[in-house]
């Protein structure tokens, strides 16, 4: 989940008369470009797709909340809701675009500070909030152990084998590994068009090799199931910089072809009477293609007219909504539908609305005050004292 404010991306150049060892010239100031409002809207749409999947497009714990399978609560819509899990693939394409945009022309310390400040405040509060709610005697779901709950604050619970407080946090572990690869290979040496293209080409080839090798360590580092989505987003940012860039379009095309295959491979299965729902391969391909096409339309400026201010708020609510909606949604669905007898459709709508309100509270009272403070603290050069707040 990432910010979508556009920043300029001047490629650093070395003057012909530069002398090795001489003091570098001051870096040019980073001026903010107009915000891509449509990208904010697409992020919220992807989050709502995931929520539809969690509330009505799968079995498992949500069945306890409804009192029966969502297949019976939504006899027709459950098959459509099942495609909502592909909102994650759309998120990863957006992330590739935004991380390349935000990391271009930025030093490593600043890049790290921006990512940590963006992810951590709302995440920490969401972990504490969900762990506390699940510890209540009236809640039907089992809480994780105190030790596992504390490990969840590091975002490393999945590789450490601890139980997850937030079901969606597995995607954050994927994002963190992408940030690390991009930081080491692009941000640290300095982003240039050539370096970004080489990164995309090398990661794509390495991910394909990892998929064929079936080696756990390579899978962990190179993420063959999702690499093409991030690379595709990076390619689309290159298109945003220069729509005539043939290499960029080649990166996007290859990434789409690989990305749809990986999505079909992981999400398609033959239809069967005992299955919760059935996703056709063509449906999966269509959703993945939509994600690429939507980001491409934004990259090309075709959706520049969608500059409504409420889209900025929509983008701001996406990350906290994504964090809290699943597990707290289970609790609210149980309370509304089973205890109060609210009909299924109304319960679904009220739950989504309530999670958006909670997301606004997290944005207003957690992210707004803490994110800039954490970013400033992490960006401050070593030994420099913090200035008192006015």
Protein backbone atom coordinates (compact mmCIF):
# COMPACT_ATOMS: atom_id res chain seq x y z
CA UNK A 1 0.00 0.00 0.00
CA UNK A 2 1.73 3.14 -1.08
CA UNK A 3 1.44 6.88 -1.52
CA UNK A 4 0.57 8.26 -4.94
CA UNK A 5 1.98 11.80 -4.92
CA UNK A 6 3.97 12.32 -8.11
CA UNK A 7 7.49 13.66 -7.73
CA UNK A 8 9.85 14.68 -10.48
CA UNK A 9 12.45 12.24 -11.65
CA UNK A 10 15.45 14.07 -13.08
CA UNK A 11 18.17 11.59 -14.02
CA UNK A 12 21.35 12.50 -12.16
CA UNK A 13 24.13 13.51 -14.50
CA UNK A 14 27.81 14.04 -13.92
CA UNK A 15 29.22 17.23 -15.45
CA UNK A 16 32.03 16.62 -17.95
CA UNK A 17 34.55 18.44 -15.78
CA UNK A 18 33.61 16.68 -12.56
CA UNK A 19 36.65 15.62 -10.54
CA UNK A 20 36.61 12.32 -8.63
CA UNK A 21 36.75 13.02 -4.92
CA UNK A 22 35.51 16.58 -5.23
CA UNK A 23 32.52 17.73 -3.23
CA UNK A 24 29.34 16.89 -5.13
CA UNK A 25 27.13 19.65 -6.38
CA UNK A 26 23.95 20.24 -4.37
CA UNK A 27 21.10 17.99 -5.44
CA UNK A 28 18.22 19.75 -7.17
CA UNK A 29 15.16 20.34 -5.03
CA UNK A 30 12.34 17.83 -5.45
CA UNK A 31 9.25 19.68 -6.61
CA UNK A 32 5.88 18.03 -6.29
CA UNK A 33 4.00 17.34 -9.49
CA UNK A 34 0.20 17.21 -9.69
CA UNK A 35 -1.23 14.27 -7.80
CA UNK A 36 -2.52 11.32 -9.79
CA UNK A 37 -6.03 11.31 -8.34
CA UNK A 38 -7.18 8.43 -10.53
CA UNK A 39 -4.48 6.24 -9.00
CA UNK A 40 -5.94 6.96 -5.55
CA UNK A 41 -9.35 5.87 -6.80
CA UNK A 42 -7.93 2.69 -8.31
CA UNK A 43 -6.25 1.83 -5.01
CA UNK A 44 -9.55 2.12 -3.13
CA UNK A 45 -11.32 0.06 -5.81
CA UNK A 46 -8.72 -2.70 -5.37
CA UNK A 47 -9.20 -2.58 -1.58
CA UNK A 48 -12.99 -2.88 -1.97
CA UNK A 49 -12.47 -5.86 -4.29
CA UNK A 50 -10.42 -7.57 -1.59
CA UNK A 51 -13.08 -6.74 1.02
CA UNK A 52 -15.79 -8.26 -1.19
CA UNK A 53 -13.69 -11.41 -1.43
CA UNK A 54 -13.14 -11.60 2.32
CA UNK A 55 -16.79 -10.96 3.20
CA UNK A 56 -18.56 -12.94 0.50
CA UNK A 57 -16.17 -14.62 -1.91
CA UNK A 58 -14.61 -17.39 0.18
CA UNK A 59 -15.30 -19.86 2.95
CA UNK A 60 -13.38 -20.29 6.19
CA UNK A 61 -13.70 -17.98 9.18
CA UNK A 62 -16.21 -15.70 7.48
CA UNK A 63 -18.65 -18.63 7.60
CA UNK A 64 -18.64 -18.37 11.40
CA UNK A 65 -19.49 -14.67 11.15
CA UNK A 66 -22.43 -15.20 8.79
CA UNK A 67 -23.62 -18.35 10.53
CA UNK A 68 -23.52 -20.17 7.19
CA UNK A 69 -21.44 -20.14 4.05
CA UNK A 70 -21.41 -16.85 2.11
CA UNK A 71 -22.34 -19.07 -0.80
CA UNK A 72 -25.80 -19.27 0.75
CA UNK A 73 -25.86 -15.63 1.85
CA UNK A 74 -25.09 -14.42 -1.69
CA UNK A 75 -26.18 -17.20 -4.08
CA UNK A 76 -25.29 -15.23 -7.22
CA UNK A 77 -22.81 -12.60 -6.10
CA UNK A 78 -20.45 -14.99 -4.28
CA UNK A 79 -19.07 -16.16 -7.63
CA UNK A 80 -18.29 -12.57 -8.59
CA UNK A 81 -16.90 -11.75 -5.15
CA UNK A 82 -14.46 -14.64 -5.58
CA UNK A 83 -12.58 -12.59 -8.17
CA UNK A 84 -11.99 -9.89 -5.55
CA UNK A 85 -8.80 -11.58 -4.39
CA UNK A 86 -7.23 -10.30 -7.62
CA UNK A 87 -7.34 -6.84 -6.11
CA UNK A 88 -3.99 -7.84 -4.62
CA UNK A 89 -2.51 -8.25 -8.11
CA UNK A 90 -3.75 -4.76 -8.97
CA UNK A 91 -2.19 -3.43 -5.76
CA UNK A 92 1.19 -4.87 -6.76
CA UNK A 93 1.07 -3.25 -10.21
CA UNK A 94 0.24 0.09 -8.56
CA UNK A 95 3.04 -0.46 -6.05
CA UNK A 96 5.61 -0.99 -8.81
CA UNK A 97 4.53 2.29 -10.41
CA UNK A 98 4.52 4.29 -7.18
CA UNK A 99 7.74 2.91 -5.69
CA UNK A 100 9.66 3.67 -8.88
CA UNK A 101 8.12 7.14 -8.90
CA UNK A 102 8.93 7.87 -5.27
CA UNK A 103 12.40 6.33 -5.32
CA UNK A 104 13.65 8.15 -8.42
CA UNK A 105 16.05 10.94 -7.50
CA UNK A 106 15.78 10.18 -3.78
CA UNK A 107 18.66 9.10 -1.52
CA UNK A 108 18.41 5.77 0.26
CA UNK A 109 17.83 7.31 3.71
CA UNK A 110 14.93 9.37 2.42
CA UNK A 111 13.45 6.39 0.54
CA UNK A 112 13.64 4.19 3.63
CA UNK A 113 12.13 6.92 5.81
CA UNK A 114 9.23 7.49 3.44
CA UNK A 115 8.38 3.78 3.23
CA UNK A 116 8.68 3.13 6.96
CA UNK A 117 6.68 6.22 7.87
CA UNK A 118 4.00 5.28 5.37
CA UNK A 119 3.58 1.69 6.54
CA UNK A 120 4.28 1.51 10.25
CA UNK A 121 2.05 3.89 12.27
CA UNK A 122 -1.29 2.58 11.00
CA UNK A 123 0.05 -0.98 10.97
CA UNK A 124 1.14 -0.86 14.62
CA UNK A 125 -2.22 0.52 15.74
CA UNK A 126 -4.13 -2.00 13.61
CA UNK A 127 -2.19 -4.91 15.14
CA UNK A 128 -2.87 -3.68 18.68
CA UNK A 129 -6.53 -2.96 17.92
CA UNK A 130 -7.29 -6.32 16.29
CA UNK A 131 -5.35 -8.26 18.94
CA UNK A 132 -7.29 -6.46 21.69
CA UNK A 133 -10.68 -7.06 20.06
CA UNK A 134 -9.96 -10.75 19.48
CA UNK A 135 -8.93 -11.11 23.12
CA UNK A 136 -12.45 -10.11 24.26
CA UNK A 137 -14.46 -13.03 25.69
CA UNK A 138 -17.47 -12.20 23.50
CA UNK A 139 -15.51 -12.62 20.27
CA UNK A 140 -15.79 -16.07 18.74
CA UNK A 141 -12.37 -16.06 17.10
CA UNK A 142 -9.20 -17.30 18.74
CA UNK A 143 -6.64 -14.65 19.61
CA UNK A 144 -2.96 -15.16 18.86
CA UNK A 145 -0.57 -15.67 21.76
CA UNK A 146 0.97 -12.56 23.39
CA UNK A 147 4.37 -13.56 22.05
CA UNK A 148 3.12 -13.87 18.48
CA UNK A 149 1.20 -10.61 18.80
CA UNK A 150 4.40 -8.81 19.79
CA UNK A 151 6.34 -10.35 16.89
CA UNK A 152 3.62 -9.08 14.54
CA UNK A 153 4.74 -5.53 15.33
CA UNK A 154 7.96 -6.22 13.38
CA UNK A 155 6.17 -7.27 10.14
CA UNK A 156 8.39 -10.37 10.16
CA UNK A 157 5.83 -12.76 11.66
CA UNK A 158 5.36 -14.73 8.45
CA UNK A 159 8.99 -15.76 7.82
CA UNK A 160 9.37 -16.41 11.56
CA UNK A 161 6.39 -18.78 11.53
CA UNK A 162 4.30 -16.81 14.04
CA UNK A 163 0.51 -16.57 13.84
CA UNK A 164 -0.70 -13.46 12.05
CA UNK A 165 -2.84 -10.87 13.81
CA UNK A 166 -3.88 -9.38 10.46
CA UNK A 167 -4.75 -11.84 7.73
CA UNK A 168 -3.76 -9.38 4.99
CA UNK A 169 -0.25 -8.81 6.34
CA UNK A 170 1.18 -11.49 4.03
CA UNK A 171 0.96 -8.92 1.23
CA UNK A 172 3.00 -6.46 3.32
CA UNK A 173 5.76 -9.06 3.59
CA UNK A 174 5.75 -9.29 -0.21
CA UNK A 175 5.88 -5.48 -0.44
CA UNK A 176 8.76 -5.21 2.02
CA UNK A 177 10.84 -7.64 -0.04
CA UNK A 178 10.11 -5.64 -3.17
CA UNK A 179 11.16 -2.42 -1.40
CA UNK A 180 14.41 -4.07 -0.35
CA UNK A 181 15.22 -5.28 -3.89
CA UNK A 182 14.40 -1.92 -5.43
CA UNK A 183 16.34 0.00 -2.77
CA UNK A 184 19.48 -2.10 -3.17
CA UNK A 185 19.44 -2.32 -6.96
CA UNK A 186 18.05 1.07 -7.97
CA UNK A 187 17.80 3.64 -5.16
CA UNK A 188 21.22 2.99 -3.60
CA UNK A 189 23.25 3.41 -6.82
CA UNK A 190 20.87 6.10 -8.11
CA UNK A 191 17.88 5.67 -10.39
CA UNK A 192 18.42 6.15 -14.11
CA UNK A 193 16.35 4.89 -17.02
CA UNK A 194 19.08 2.41 -17.99
CA UNK A 195 19.46 1.09 -14.45
CA UNK A 196 15.70 0.67 -14.01
CA UNK A 197 15.41 -1.18 -17.33
CA UNK A 198 18.27 -3.49 -16.33
CA UNK A 199 16.64 -4.10 -12.95
CA UNK A 200 13.36 -5.04 -14.62
CA UNK A 201 15.07 -7.34 -17.13
CA UNK A 202 17.29 -9.06 -14.57
CA UNK A 203 14.49 -9.53 -12.01
CA UNK A 204 12.15 -10.93 -14.65
CA UNK A 205 14.74 -13.44 -15.86
CA UNK A 206 15.79 -14.39 -12.33
CA UNK A 207 12.15 -14.86 -11.26
CA UNK A 208 11.49 -17.15 -14.23
CA UNK A 209 14.57 -19.19 -13.34
CA UNK A 210 13.43 -19.33 -9.70
CA UNK A 211 10.01 -20.61 -10.79
CA UNK A 212 11.68 -23.40 -12.75
CA UNK A 213 14.20 -24.23 -10.02
CA UNK A 214 11.57 -24.61 -7.28
CA UNK A 215 14.15 -23.58 -4.67
CA UNK A 216 12.63 -22.08 -1.47
CA UNK A 217 15.40 -19.53 -0.95
CA UNK A 218 15.10 -18.24 -4.51
CA UNK A 219 11.32 -18.09 -4.15
CA UNK A 220 11.71 -16.10 -0.93
CA UNK A 221 14.04 -13.51 -2.45
CA UNK A 222 12.81 -13.28 -6.04
CA UNK A 223 9.04 -13.86 -5.53
CA UNK A 224 8.37 -15.43 -8.95
CA UNK A 225 4.61 -15.43 -8.36
CA UNK A 226 4.44 -11.64 -8.02
CA UNK A 227 7.64 -10.23 -9.58
CA UNK A 228 6.00 -9.59 -12.96
CA UNK A 229 3.32 -7.42 -11.35
CA UNK A 230 5.83 -5.12 -9.67
CA UNK A 231 8.00 -5.05 -12.79
CA UNK A 232 4.94 -4.23 -14.90
CA UNK A 233 4.16 -1.29 -12.63
CA UNK A 234 7.75 -0.07 -12.92
CA UNK A 235 7.51 -0.34 -16.70
CA UNK A 236 4.32 1.72 -16.63
CA UNK A 237 6.10 4.45 -14.68
CA UNK A 238 8.72 4.53 -17.44
CA UNK A 239 5.82 4.92 -19.88
CA UNK A 240 4.53 7.77 -17.71
CA UNK A 241 7.91 9.48 -18.13
CA UNK A 242 8.06 8.83 -21.87
CA UNK A 243 5.14 7.21 -23.66
CA UNK A 244 7.37 6.56 -26.72
CA UNK A 245 9.81 4.41 -24.73
CA UNK A 246 9.81 1.10 -26.61
CA UNK A 247 11.76 -0.67 -23.86
CA UNK A 248 9.19 0.42 -21.28
CA UNK A 249 6.33 -0.92 -23.37
CA UNK A 250 8.25 -4.17 -23.84
CA UNK A 251 8.63 -4.50 -20.06
CA UNK A 252 4.89 -3.91 -19.61
CA UNK A 253 3.91 -6.42 -22.30
CA UNK A 254 6.16 -9.23 -21.04
CA UNK A 255 5.07 -8.57 -17.45
CA UNK A 256 1.38 -8.78 -18.37
CA UNK A 257 1.89 -12.05 -20.22
CA UNK A 258 3.76 -13.59 -17.28
CA UNK A 259 1.51 -12.02 -14.63
CA UNK A 260 -1.71 -13.41 -16.05
CA UNK A 261 -0.17 -16.89 -16.30
CA UNK A 262 1.01 -16.77 -12.69
CA UNK A 263 -2.43 -15.61 -11.54
CA UNK A 264 -4.20 -18.38 -13.46
CA UNK A 265 -1.69 -20.93 -12.15
CA UNK A 266 -2.36 -19.98 -8.52
CA UNK A 267 -6.11 -19.21 -8.62
CA UNK A 268 -7.68 -21.40 -11.29
CA UNK A 269 -9.02 -24.89 -10.59
CA UNK A 270 -11.46 -27.14 -12.43
CA UNK A 271 -15.11 -26.61 -11.59
CA UNK A 272 -16.52 -29.05 -9.05
CA UNK A 273 -19.71 -29.43 -7.01
CA UNK A 274 -17.85 -29.17 -3.70
CA UNK A 275 -16.01 -25.96 -4.56
CA UNK A 276 -17.04 -22.71 -2.92
CA UNK A 277 -16.93 -20.93 -6.26
CA UNK A 278 -15.36 -21.20 -9.67
CA UNK A 279 -13.06 -18.64 -11.30
CA UNK A 280 -12.66 -19.11 -15.02
CA UNK A 281 -9.21 -18.63 -16.52
CA UNK A 282 -10.63 -15.98 -18.85
CA UNK A 283 -12.08 -14.12 -15.86
CA UNK A 284 -8.74 -14.15 -14.08
CA UNK A 285 -6.95 -12.93 -17.21
CA UNK A 286 -9.54 -10.18 -17.64
CA UNK A 287 -9.07 -8.82 -14.09
CA UNK A 288 -5.26 -8.86 -14.31
CA UNK A 289 -5.44 -7.16 -17.71
CA UNK A 290 -7.80 -4.56 -16.28
CA UNK A 291 -5.27 -3.75 -13.57
CA UNK A 292 -2.50 -3.20 -16.11
CA UNK A 293 -4.80 -1.26 -18.44
CA UNK A 294 -6.09 1.01 -15.68
CA UNK A 295 -2.59 1.94 -14.51
CA UNK A 296 -1.56 2.41 -18.16
CA UNK A 297 -4.46 4.82 -18.71
CA UNK A 298 -3.30 6.80 -15.68
CA UNK A 299 0.33 6.70 -16.83
CA UNK A 300 -0.63 8.04 -20.26
CA UNK A 301 -2.68 10.87 -18.74
CA UNK A 302 -5.98 9.65 -20.14
CA UNK A 303 -7.64 9.91 -16.72
CA UNK A 304 -6.24 13.33 -15.86
CA UNK A 305 -9.80 14.65 -15.91
CA UNK A 306 -10.59 12.56 -12.81
CA UNK A 307 -9.16 15.15 -10.41
CA UNK A 308 -11.88 15.22 -7.80
CA UNK A 309 -10.60 16.03 -4.32
CA UNK A 310 -12.47 13.15 -2.72
CA UNK A 311 -10.20 10.75 -4.60
CA UNK A 312 -7.29 12.00 -2.51
CA UNK A 313 -9.19 11.01 0.61
CA UNK A 314 -10.06 7.68 -1.00
CA UNK A 315 -6.37 7.00 -1.51
CA UNK A 316 -5.60 8.01 2.07
CA UNK A 317 -8.21 5.61 3.46
CA UNK A 318 -7.10 2.64 1.37
CA UNK A 319 -4.20 1.42 3.52
CA UNK A 320 -5.87 1.61 6.97
CA UNK A 321 -9.06 0.13 5.49
CA UNK A 322 -7.06 -2.72 4.01
CA UNK A 323 -5.40 -3.43 7.36
CA UNK A 324 -8.50 -3.59 9.56
CA UNK A 325 -11.37 -4.66 7.34
CA UNK A 326 -10.99 -8.44 7.35
CA UNK A 327 -10.78 -9.47 10.99
CA UNK A 328 -12.83 -6.64 12.46
CA UNK A 329 -15.31 -7.18 9.64
CA UNK A 330 -15.87 -10.72 10.88
CA UNK A 331 -16.75 -9.41 14.32
CA UNK A 332 -19.13 -6.76 12.99
CA UNK A 333 -20.85 -9.13 10.55
CA UNK A 334 -21.51 -11.55 13.41
CA UNK A 335 -22.96 -8.75 15.56
CA UNK A 336 -25.15 -7.29 12.83
CA UNK A 337 -26.34 -10.41 11.04
CA UNK A 338 -26.58 -13.08 13.72
CA UNK A 339 -27.19 -11.06 16.88
CA UNK A 340 -29.27 -8.20 15.48
CA UNK A 341 -30.84 -9.99 12.51
CA UNK A 342 -29.80 -7.43 9.87
CA UNK A 343 -30.26 -8.86 6.33
CA UNK A 344 -27.18 -10.06 4.48
CA UNK A 345 -26.99 -7.27 1.89
CA UNK A 346 -27.45 -4.54 4.51
CA UNK A 347 -24.90 -6.19 6.80
CA UNK A 348 -22.40 -6.30 3.95
CA UNK A 349 -22.89 -2.61 3.15
CA UNK A 350 -22.87 -1.47 6.78
CA UNK A 351 -19.70 -3.45 7.48
CA UNK A 352 -17.84 -1.89 4.56
CA UNK A 353 -19.06 1.57 5.59
CA UNK A 354 -18.02 1.01 9.21
CA UNK A 355 -14.56 -0.14 8.16
CA UNK A 356 -14.19 2.99 6.02
CA UNK A 357 -15.13 5.14 9.01
CA UNK A 358 -12.57 3.31 11.14
CA UNK A 359 -10.02 3.81 8.36
CA UNK A 360 -10.73 7.56 8.44
CA UNK A 361 -10.18 7.62 12.20
CA UNK A 362 -6.83 5.86 11.77
CA UNK A 363 -5.90 8.25 9.00
CA UNK A 364 -6.97 11.36 10.95
CA UNK A 365 -5.66 10.50 14.40
CA UNK A 366 -2.77 8.11 13.69
CA UNK A 367 -1.31 8.64 10.24
CA UNK A 368 -1.77 12.41 9.99
CA UNK A 369 0.14 13.25 13.18
CA UNK A 370 2.62 10.36 13.29
CA UNK A 371 3.65 9.77 9.69
CA UNK A 372 5.41 13.14 9.16
CA UNK A 373 7.09 12.92 12.58
CA UNK A 374 8.42 9.43 11.93
CA UNK A 375 9.57 10.40 8.44
CA UNK A 376 11.40 13.45 9.80
CA UNK A 377 13.04 11.41 12.57
CA UNK A 378 14.25 8.72 10.16
CA UNK A 379 15.42 11.26 7.58
CA UNK A 380 17.43 13.31 10.06
CA UNK A 381 21.21 12.97 9.56
CA UNK A 382 23.03 11.23 12.37
CA UNK A 383 23.86 13.55 15.27
CA UNK A 384 21.41 16.25 14.26
CA UNK A 385 18.99 17.22 16.98
CA UNK A 386 15.29 17.45 16.39
CA UNK A 387 13.83 20.94 16.22
CA UNK A 388 11.01 21.67 18.65
CA UNK A 389 7.56 21.55 17.12
CA UNK A 390 5.96 25.01 16.72
